[in-house]
Amino acid sequence: MELKSWFEGQSHLTWQDYSVLGCLIAFSIFLGLFLGREEKDTNDFFLGGRRIPWWAACLSFVATEISAVTIISVPATAYSENWEYAQFFIGSFLARAVIAFLFIPSFYKYNCTSIYEFLRHRFGPETQYAGSILFFVTRLLASGVRLMAACLAVSVLVGWHIIPTIIIFSIVAMVYITWGGIKAIIWTNVLQALTFIVGGIVAIGFLYSQIPGGLDTITHIAGSTGRLNIFNWGPSVGESGVLHYLKNAVSDPNIFWIATLNGLFGSMAAFGTDQELMQRLLTVETRRESQKTMLFTPLGSFLVLIIYLSIGTLLYVFYAQPGHLPPEKLDKVFPYFISNQMPAFMRGLLLSAIVMASIDSPLGSLSSSFVTDIYRPLIRKHADEAHYLFASRVSVVIFGIILAMIAYFFSHFEKILWLAFKIGSVTYGSLLGVFLLGFLTKRKVNRANMIGMIGSSLAMLTLLILSEKKLIPLGWTYLLVMGTVLTFSVGWILGENEKNKLPEPAH
């Protein structure tokens, strides 16, 4: 493919649209450079000196949780399916309370920079290394999906090939994160959260104005096609018989109690055992502020979820009208609408919402886990802080390059929203199982944890492949629960109760 053809494509964007995007990206880079002038050590680079206001950490958490996958794929899911995805939020809400009162106190007790340091204090270094490696694998793959989703949308809007789009996204992220660290990430996240909330509300208003008949038309078309369904109770035992009911319960991930259970376990794993999200909660000064931050995050997350589910429903009603043809690839339905139907400036705002939700990459958390959990204890033990700060910045660049390559690989996949969750279902159970073993029991086990975590991940990967090939009737949402139970059980069976006091917290 010639380089020139990468940038020659159909685009409806105007200079007004590019000016909105350009100003927001320039401001993000400025934030990184401005805040980076104060970086003196890895405590500043990874934790912001624990001086971040709780409300900023809260918005940063929401912005990181949402990402471009939500902005692109949640409307696409509501368009092609319904609102059943919202069922996951019930379990997610409960998980945040568990994290606030079970996870966060332990992370502050041991003064963790990386949450996997807790595993070293509680079990030993081998468990810490295994946890970090599983995090690298999960975060790189899942974030590759997120980056790809954003670049796919932007390539539709701008008319570029996806390769230069991925390259530009990656360079922008590397520039401001390499220099500004977690402070640049968090304050840019605040700007991102405000951008995609305002952009989503604007999109709802514009879509509503384009549908003749307004609310009556929306409720009639969306309601008659099941697009407004929220709860999936599954078939009753009396109607379908016990065997048929059990088969559906095992294979359908959207049945209410399964979706709620998956939301509980999935959010505990994704929020509580993933350095990318927990890193935000460790930047505030005290444990109580961190807990307050976590307990306020459901408000922002639920607002964004409702906004983008509503957009998907309105898109379905809009394209059900005569004379409006949706794109062939439904994953592109929202960016396709933005490009072809929205006026100048408004297009720029929505383009900016997608871009801003994607520029927040996992590079800061990957760098913090690598330097804290792998590089400092295993590769260079007694260097000064200037060296570790330099190593942190170099690792941001290296992980940025790896992430870009993974994003291009995933650009050939469909069903983006569920793909991101399926990746997490393979390894998150292993992480959640070992953390719960540390929080809930006094069992002392180290190397056996590695066996349990790696074995559980391989077992869940095998089951996922068999399920995707329709060789077994198993919904992927069960994998995380199964992986958690398996890892926890191995540690419990092979471990023994501690006879000695736990190591003293680091100061």
Foldseek 3Di string as FASTA:
>chain_A
DDPVLQQDFDAQADPLLVVLQVVLLVVLLVLLQVQLVPDDFVCCQQQVVQADALVLLLLLLLLLVCFLCNQQVLLLCLQVPAQLLCLLVLLQLVQLLCCLPFQLVLCVQQVDSFSLVSVCLQARLQSSVLLLVLLLQLQLLLLLLRLLLLLVLVCLNSVGHSQVSLVVLLVSLLSSSLRRHPSSSSVLSNVLLVLLLVLLVVLLVVLQVLFPPGPVLLCVVCVVVVSHDHAAQADDCVVQNDVVRVLCVFQPCSHNVNSSVLSNLVSNLCQRSHLLSVSSLSNHDDSVSSSVSSNPNSVSNVSSSVSSSSSSSSLNSNCVDPPHDADPASSNRVSNCLRPPDDRPSSSSSSSSSSSSSSSGSLSSSLSSCLVSPCCPPPPPDDDRVVSSNSSSVSSSVSSVSSSVSSVVCNVDGPSSVVSVLSCLLQSLLSLQSVCLSRPAQWHHRVLSSVLRVVLSVVLVVVVVCVVVVVDSGHSSVSSVVSNVSSNVSSVVPTDGDPDDRDRRDD
